[in-house]
Amino acid sequence: MDLLKIRKPDDMHLHLRDGSMLSLVVPHTARQFSRAIVMPNLRNPVVSTDLALAYRERIVGAVPEGCRFEPLMTLYLTDNTTPEEIDRAVASNVIKAVKYYPAGATTNSDSGVTDIRKCYAVFEALVSHGMPLLVHGEVTSAEIDIFDREKVFIDLILKPLLEKFPELKIVLEHITTKQAVSFVNLAGENVAATITPHHLILNRNDLFKGGIRPHHYCLPIVKREEHRLALLEAATSGSNKFFLGTDSAPHEQMTKESSCGCAGIYSAFSAMQLYAEAFDSVGKLSVLEAFSSVHGANFYGLPVNSEMLVLARKEESIPDTLGYENGCLVPFRAGETVKWTLQ
């Protein structure tokens, strides 16, 4: 199969940032995806419906002329989020989910939830509206090994949460372990997961090949090869519980290549080529469309896209950097090649 034609996909987990960086990265996503679930962890978090609507306008303003792309917004959950704010979000018709960051878990998560029990009234509101809760599934306790934080989160936080709110729709974002795959498979139909391209391609050895590789550092951190293989099996299984979410997270080059580099991999520049490469590696291109374009839309109750995307089996070089007004980004696979090209 040298030419692959699929329904235009949706990115169900995306960081776009703001300002001049937003203007750079939106076109990269818009050329490949019809819609995207946009994360709310800006430096000033998107904690209200009004902030989400204003952010959406800035995103729409960065979409290239003639390109059809719809940002689907989220709210940043805090200890102080109210059920009334959830009602306003649902009424907006453009806010599709609420994002739960444990405080301190990742980039711009300092305003996140300190005690999940403070959010029970919000979860009741989400259940009543059928709105999903998007979960960054890591504990933040210093005594827990960074490679175990997802597994511990599932056992200590997520399982008890579902026992208390069994009808709550949950997306466990950017899963990284075989334990997460097992949890999602065994849970009800109200539980799903997104999988990134970099977690399908990298294992933890890739963090240290030839020295520390800051552009392979993300949270949740990449894990052992056995976990990468479990993710690849889940993504290519055809199960509607797993769908595409790049977690593409742009950071300025200087902040990645510093003494304390930021967590995040910028994969949006070649996201669908990377997914095609991963699926092709196990002979499963036939299920890429379902993973990319159908499962996520169905979970969110959205119509499947009618536009098409075409990829060709042809190597394409990835630039070393991507410049913008205030600096530059280093994309995933910078200076290397991908095996597929967008037509």
Protein backbone atom coordinates (compact mmCIF):
# COMPACT_ATOMS: atom_id res chain seq x y z
CA MET A 1 0.00 0.00 0.00
CA ASP A 2 1.89 3.04 -1.29
CA LEU A 3 -1.04 5.48 -1.23
CA LEU A 4 -3.30 5.75 1.80
CA LYS A 5 -6.60 7.64 1.65
CA ILE A 6 -8.52 8.11 4.90
CA ARG A 7 -11.16 10.39 6.33
CA LYS A 8 -9.51 13.54 7.62
CA PRO A 9 -8.57 12.82 11.24
CA ASP A 10 -9.21 14.60 14.52
CA ASP A 11 -6.51 15.32 17.10
CA MET A 12 -8.17 14.62 20.43
CA HIS A 13 -5.35 16.06 22.57
CA LEU A 14 -3.43 19.12 21.40
CA HIS A 15 -1.47 22.05 22.85
CA LEU A 16 -1.45 25.25 20.78
CA ARG A 17 -0.07 27.76 23.32
CA ASP A 18 -0.76 31.43 22.55
CA GLY A 19 0.62 34.53 20.87
CA SER A 20 3.21 34.20 18.11
CA MET A 21 3.77 30.51 18.88
CA LEU A 22 0.05 29.89 18.30
CA SER A 23 0.32 31.53 14.88
CA LEU A 24 3.16 29.18 13.94
CA VAL A 25 1.67 25.89 15.07
CA VAL A 26 -2.03 26.15 14.15
CA PRO A 27 -1.39 25.77 10.38
CA HIS A 28 0.63 22.58 10.97
CA THR A 29 -2.35 20.96 12.66
CA ALA A 30 -4.98 22.44 10.35
CA ARG A 31 -3.41 20.90 7.24
CA GLN A 32 -3.82 17.39 8.68
CA PHE A 33 -6.79 17.51 11.05
CA SER A 34 -10.38 18.70 10.78
CA ARG A 35 -10.82 19.23 14.52
CA ALA A 36 -8.77 19.20 17.70
CA ILE A 37 -9.46 19.06 21.41
CA VAL A 38 -7.39 22.02 22.61
CA MET A 39 -5.76 21.86 26.02
CA PRO A 40 -6.39 24.73 28.48
CA ASN A 41 -3.04 24.88 30.31
CA LEU A 42 -1.90 28.29 29.15
CA ARG A 43 0.25 30.34 31.50
CA ASN A 44 -3.02 31.93 32.54
CA PRO A 45 -5.17 28.78 32.55
CA VAL A 46 -8.48 28.64 30.70
CA VAL A 47 -10.65 28.24 33.78
CA SER A 48 -13.92 29.77 32.56
CA THR A 49 -16.25 29.66 29.59
CA ASP A 50 -15.49 33.28 28.74
CA LEU A 51 -11.75 32.59 28.65
CA ALA A 52 -12.31 29.51 26.49
CA LEU A 53 -14.41 31.45 23.99
CA ALA A 54 -11.79 34.20 23.77
CA TYR A 55 -9.01 31.64 23.28
CA ARG A 56 -11.04 29.95 20.56
CA GLU A 57 -11.27 33.23 18.66
CA ARG A 58 -7.49 33.60 18.74
CA ILE A 59 -7.08 30.07 17.39
CA VAL A 60 -9.62 30.61 14.62
CA GLY A 61 -7.76 33.78 13.67
CA ALA A 62 -4.59 31.74 13.09
CA VAL A 63 -6.20 29.20 10.72
CA PRO A 64 -4.94 29.71 7.15
CA GLU A 65 -7.44 31.17 4.71
CA GLY A 66 -9.35 28.49 2.85
CA CYS A 67 -8.58 25.81 5.44
CA ARG A 68 -11.41 24.23 7.43
CA PHE A 69 -10.37 23.53 11.01
CA GLU A 70 -12.50 23.57 14.15
CA PRO A 71 -10.95 23.98 17.61
CA LEU A 72 -12.90 22.12 20.30
CA MET A 73 -12.31 23.79 23.64
CA THR A 74 -11.76 22.53 27.18
CA LEU A 75 -11.88 23.96 30.67
CA TYR A 76 -9.04 23.70 33.17
CA LEU A 77 -10.31 22.04 36.33
CA THR A 78 -9.29 23.64 39.62
CA ASP A 79 -10.27 23.19 43.26
CA ASN A 80 -12.64 26.13 42.75
CA THR A 81 -14.44 25.10 39.55
CA THR A 82 -18.22 25.13 40.08
CA PRO A 83 -21.07 23.06 38.62
CA GLU A 84 -22.54 26.33 37.33
CA GLU A 85 -19.40 26.87 35.23
CA ILE A 86 -19.92 23.41 33.73
CA ASP A 87 -23.50 24.40 32.85
CA ARG A 88 -22.18 27.51 31.07
CA ALA A 89 -19.55 25.45 29.25
CA VAL A 90 -22.12 22.98 27.96
CA ALA A 91 -24.41 25.80 26.83
CA SER A 92 -21.56 27.34 24.82
CA ASN A 93 -21.62 24.31 22.47
CA VAL A 94 -17.91 24.74 21.72
CA ILE A 95 -16.49 23.47 25.04
CA LYS A 96 -16.42 19.69 24.82
CA ALA A 97 -14.58 18.54 27.95
CA VAL A 98 -12.95 19.43 31.26
CA LYS A 99 -9.25 18.74 31.85
CA TYR A 100 -7.96 17.40 35.15
CA TYR A 101 -4.30 18.08 35.93
CA PRO A 102 -3.00 16.99 39.32
CA ALA A 103 -1.28 20.10 40.67
CA GLY A 104 2.34 20.16 39.52
CA ALA A 105 2.08 17.19 37.18
CA THR A 106 3.20 18.89 33.95
CA THR A 107 3.58 22.20 32.08
CA ASN A 108 1.49 25.02 33.57
CA SER A 109 -0.28 22.67 35.98
CA ASP A 110 0.41 24.60 39.19
CA SER A 111 -3.26 25.67 39.28
CA GLY A 112 -4.41 22.07 39.01
CA VAL A 113 -6.38 19.99 41.48
CA THR A 114 -4.83 19.53 44.91
CA ASP A 115 -7.49 17.15 46.26
CA ILE A 116 -9.84 15.34 43.90
CA ARG A 117 -12.56 15.26 46.56
CA LYS A 118 -12.96 19.01 46.12
CA CYS A 119 -14.26 18.34 42.59
CA TYR A 120 -17.03 15.84 43.35
CA ALA A 121 -19.80 18.37 42.65
CA VAL A 122 -18.21 19.11 39.26
CA PHE A 123 -18.06 15.40 38.44
CA GLU A 124 -21.77 15.10 39.22
CA ALA A 125 -22.42 17.95 36.77
CA LEU A 126 -20.27 16.26 34.11
CA VAL A 127 -22.23 13.02 34.53
CA SER A 128 -25.55 14.86 34.20
CA HIS A 129 -24.40 16.51 30.94
CA GLY A 130 -22.46 13.53 29.54
CA MET A 131 -19.36 15.74 29.23
CA PRO A 132 -16.00 13.92 29.38
CA LEU A 133 -13.31 14.42 31.98
CA LEU A 134 -9.85 14.36 30.41
CA VAL A 135 -7.25 13.04 32.80
CA HIS A 136 -3.52 13.58 33.04
CA GLY A 137 -2.94 10.30 34.81
CA GLU A 138 0.09 10.75 37.03
CA VAL A 139 0.57 11.12 40.75
CA THR A 140 2.98 13.84 41.81
CA SER A 141 4.33 12.48 45.10
CA ALA A 142 8.11 12.85 45.19
CA GLU A 143 8.56 9.36 46.64
CA ILE A 144 6.95 7.70 43.60
CA ASP A 145 9.39 6.81 40.82
CA ILE A 146 8.67 8.86 37.69
CA PHE A 147 8.31 5.67 35.63
CA ASP A 148 5.60 4.36 38.02
CA ARG A 149 3.46 7.48 38.34
CA GLU A 150 0.84 6.44 35.78
CA LYS A 151 0.36 2.97 37.26
CA VAL A 152 0.05 4.38 40.79
CA PHE A 153 -2.42 7.03 39.62
CA ILE A 154 -4.66 4.37 38.12
CA ASP A 155 -4.66 2.34 41.32
CA LEU A 156 -4.95 5.18 43.85
CA ILE A 157 -7.01 7.81 42.03
CA LEU A 158 -8.72 6.58 38.89
CA LYS A 159 -10.18 3.28 40.06
CA PRO A 160 -11.73 4.83 43.21
CA LEU A 161 -13.04 7.75 41.11
CA LEU A 162 -14.87 5.38 38.79
CA GLU A 163 -16.25 3.42 41.71
CA LYS A 164 -17.80 6.62 43.07
CA PHE A 165 -18.87 7.96 39.64
CA PRO A 166 -19.37 4.84 37.46
CA GLU A 167 -21.12 6.78 34.67
CA LEU A 168 -18.48 9.51 34.36
CA LYS A 169 -17.03 9.66 30.86
CA ILE A 170 -13.25 9.61 31.15
CA VAL A 171 -10.42 9.88 28.65
CA LEU A 172 -7.12 8.76 30.14
CA GLU A 173 -4.81 10.95 28.11
CA HIS A 174 -1.51 10.00 26.48
CA ILE A 175 -1.28 6.55 28.07
CA THR A 176 2.21 5.11 28.37
CA THR A 177 2.02 1.71 30.07
CA LYS A 178 0.67 -1.79 29.60
CA GLN A 179 -1.18 -1.29 32.90
CA ALA A 180 -3.06 1.65 31.40
CA VAL A 181 -3.96 -0.40 28.33
CA SER A 182 -5.31 -3.16 30.56
CA PHE A 183 -7.27 -0.71 32.71
CA VAL A 184 -8.96 0.88 29.71
CA ASN A 185 -9.75 -2.48 28.11
CA LEU A 186 -11.40 -3.74 31.29
CA ALA A 187 -13.35 -0.56 32.04
CA GLY A 188 -16.81 0.26 30.71
CA GLU A 189 -17.59 1.96 27.42
CA ASN A 190 -17.47 5.33 29.19
CA VAL A 191 -13.68 5.01 29.54
CA ALA A 192 -11.28 5.58 26.63
CA ALA A 193 -7.67 6.64 26.04
CA THR A 194 -5.59 8.69 23.66
CA ILE A 195 -2.20 7.55 22.36
CA THR A 196 0.52 9.84 21.03
CA PRO A 197 2.80 9.18 18.05
CA HIS A 198 5.94 9.55 20.15
CA HIS A 199 4.83 6.93 22.67
CA LEU A 200 4.27 4.55 19.74
CA ILE A 201 7.79 5.21 18.44
CA LEU A 202 10.08 5.91 21.41
CA ASN A 203 11.11 3.91 24.43
CA ARG A 204 13.12 5.20 27.37
CA ASN A 205 16.46 4.25 25.78
CA ASP A 206 15.76 6.96 23.20
CA LEU A 207 16.13 9.58 25.94
CA PHE A 208 19.82 8.78 26.24
CA LYS A 209 21.11 7.72 22.80
CA GLY A 210 24.37 9.58 22.31
CA GLY A 211 23.69 11.74 25.37
CA ILE A 212 20.62 13.31 26.95
CA ARG A 213 18.00 13.99 24.25
CA PRO A 214 15.86 16.88 25.54
CA HIS A 215 13.53 16.78 22.53
CA HIS A 216 12.50 13.26 23.53
CA TYR A 217 11.53 14.37 27.03
CA CYS A 218 7.81 14.54 27.73
CA LEU A 219 5.37 13.86 30.55
CA PRO A 220 4.27 11.21 31.06
CA ILE A 221 7.81 10.10 30.29
CA VAL A 222 8.43 7.37 27.70
CA LYS A 223 8.71 3.90 29.23
CA ARG A 224 10.31 0.50 28.58
CA GLU A 225 10.01 -1.27 25.22
CA GLU A 226 7.39 -3.68 26.62
CA HIS A 227 5.11 -0.71 27.26
CA ARG A 228 5.68 0.78 23.80
CA LEU A 229 4.71 -2.56 22.27
CA ALA A 230 1.57 -2.73 24.42
CA LEU A 231 0.55 0.75 23.23
CA LEU A 232 1.19 -0.19 19.62
CA GLU A 233 -0.94 -3.31 20.01
CA ALA A 234 -3.77 -1.29 21.58
CA ALA A 235 -3.67 1.45 18.94
CA THR A 236 -3.74 -1.04 16.08
CA SER A 237 -6.25 -3.44 17.69
CA GLY A 238 -9.31 -1.82 16.15
CA SER A 239 -10.81 -1.24 19.62
CA ASN A 240 -12.96 1.89 19.79
CA LYS A 241 -11.54 2.61 23.25
CA PHE A 242 -8.28 3.95 21.80
CA PHE A 243 -7.94 6.96 19.54
CA LEU A 244 -5.55 9.59 18.28
CA GLY A 245 -4.30 12.37 20.52
CA THR A 246 -0.88 13.77 19.65
CA ASP A 247 -0.26 15.68 22.87
CA SER A 248 1.87 17.82 20.58
CA ALA A 249 3.40 20.36 22.97
CA PRO A 250 5.53 23.16 21.52
CA HIS A 251 8.28 24.76 23.60
CA GLU A 252 10.79 27.33 22.46
CA GLN A 253 14.14 25.73 21.64
CA MET A 254 15.98 27.55 24.42
CA THR A 255 13.58 26.24 27.08
CA LYS A 256 13.98 22.66 25.87
CA GLU A 257 17.78 22.81 25.58
CA SER A 258 18.42 24.26 29.02
CA SER A 259 19.68 23.06 32.39
CA CYS A 260 16.07 22.24 33.31
CA GLY A 261 14.37 21.50 29.99
CA CYS A 262 10.59 21.68 29.57
CA ALA A 263 8.57 18.52 29.09
CA GLY A 264 6.86 18.24 25.71
CA ILE A 265 7.40 16.93 22.19
CA TYR A 266 6.33 18.96 19.16
CA SER A 267 4.94 16.31 16.82
CA ALA A 268 2.23 18.29 15.03
CA PHE A 269 4.46 19.18 12.09
CA SER A 270 4.39 15.56 10.83
CA ALA A 271 1.84 13.87 13.09
CA MET A 272 -0.07 11.77 10.57
CA GLN A 273 3.13 10.66 8.83
CA LEU A 274 4.40 9.45 12.20
CA TYR A 275 1.22 7.53 12.96
CA ALA A 276 1.28 5.98 9.48
CA GLU A 277 4.88 4.90 10.06
CA ALA A 278 4.00 3.32 13.41
CA PHE A 279 0.95 1.47 12.08
CA ASP A 280 2.85 0.36 8.97
CA SER A 281 5.61 -1.10 11.17
CA VAL A 282 3.18 -3.84 12.28
CA GLY A 283 1.24 -4.13 9.02
CA LYS A 284 -1.88 -2.37 10.34
CA LEU A 285 -2.44 0.57 8.00
CA SER A 286 -5.93 -0.79 7.40
CA VAL A 287 -7.06 0.33 10.88
CA LEU A 288 -5.37 3.75 10.92
CA GLU A 289 -8.54 5.51 9.72
CA ALA A 290 -10.65 4.10 12.55
CA PHE A 291 -8.06 5.08 15.16
CA SER A 292 -7.53 8.55 13.68
CA SER A 293 -10.92 9.56 12.35
CA VAL A 294 -13.73 7.47 13.83
CA HIS A 295 -13.20 6.29 17.41
CA GLY A 296 -12.58 9.73 18.89
CA ALA A 297 -15.47 11.36 17.04
CA ASN A 298 -17.81 8.62 18.23
CA PHE A 299 -16.71 8.94 21.85
CA TYR A 300 -17.33 12.70 21.81
CA GLY A 301 -20.62 12.35 19.92
CA LEU A 302 -19.34 14.18 16.86
CA PRO A 303 -20.08 13.40 13.20
CA VAL A 304 -17.29 11.65 11.34
CA ASN A 305 -15.50 13.99 8.94
CA SER A 306 -16.35 13.81 5.25
CA GLU A 307 -13.13 15.41 3.95
CA MET A 308 -10.31 13.06 3.01
CA LEU A 309 -6.58 12.99 3.71
CA VAL A 310 -4.08 11.29 1.41
CA LEU A 311 -0.63 10.03 2.43
CA ALA A 312 1.98 8.61 0.09
CA ARG A 313 4.77 6.21 0.97
CA LYS A 314 7.58 8.61 0.22
CA GLU A 315 10.36 9.89 2.48
CA GLU A 316 10.15 13.48 3.64
CA SER A 317 12.81 15.48 5.46
CA ILE A 318 11.94 17.23 8.71
CA PRO A 319 13.56 20.66 9.16
CA ASP A 320 16.02 21.27 11.98
CA THR A 321 13.99 24.15 13.37
CA LEU A 322 10.77 26.07 12.77
CA GLY A 323 11.16 29.79 13.25
CA TYR A 324 8.60 32.29 14.51
CA GLU A 325 8.59 35.86 15.78
CA ASN A 326 10.01 35.23 19.24
CA GLY A 327 12.21 32.18 18.65
CA CYS A 328 12.07 28.73 17.13
CA LEU A 329 10.79 25.22 17.78
CA VAL A 330 12.56 21.94 17.19
CA PRO A 331 10.06 19.46 15.74
CA PHE A 332 10.07 15.76 16.50
CA ARG A 333 12.53 13.96 14.19
CA ALA A 334 14.30 17.25 13.41
CA GLY A 335 16.98 16.79 10.77
CA GLU A 336 15.75 13.26 10.04
CA THR A 337 13.10 11.81 7.73
CA VAL A 338 9.65 10.30 7.95
CA LYS A 339 8.58 7.52 5.62
CA TRP A 340 5.27 9.07 4.54
CA THR A 341 4.28 12.36 2.92
CA LEU A 342 1.03 14.32 2.98
CA GLN A 343 -0.42 14.79 -0.51
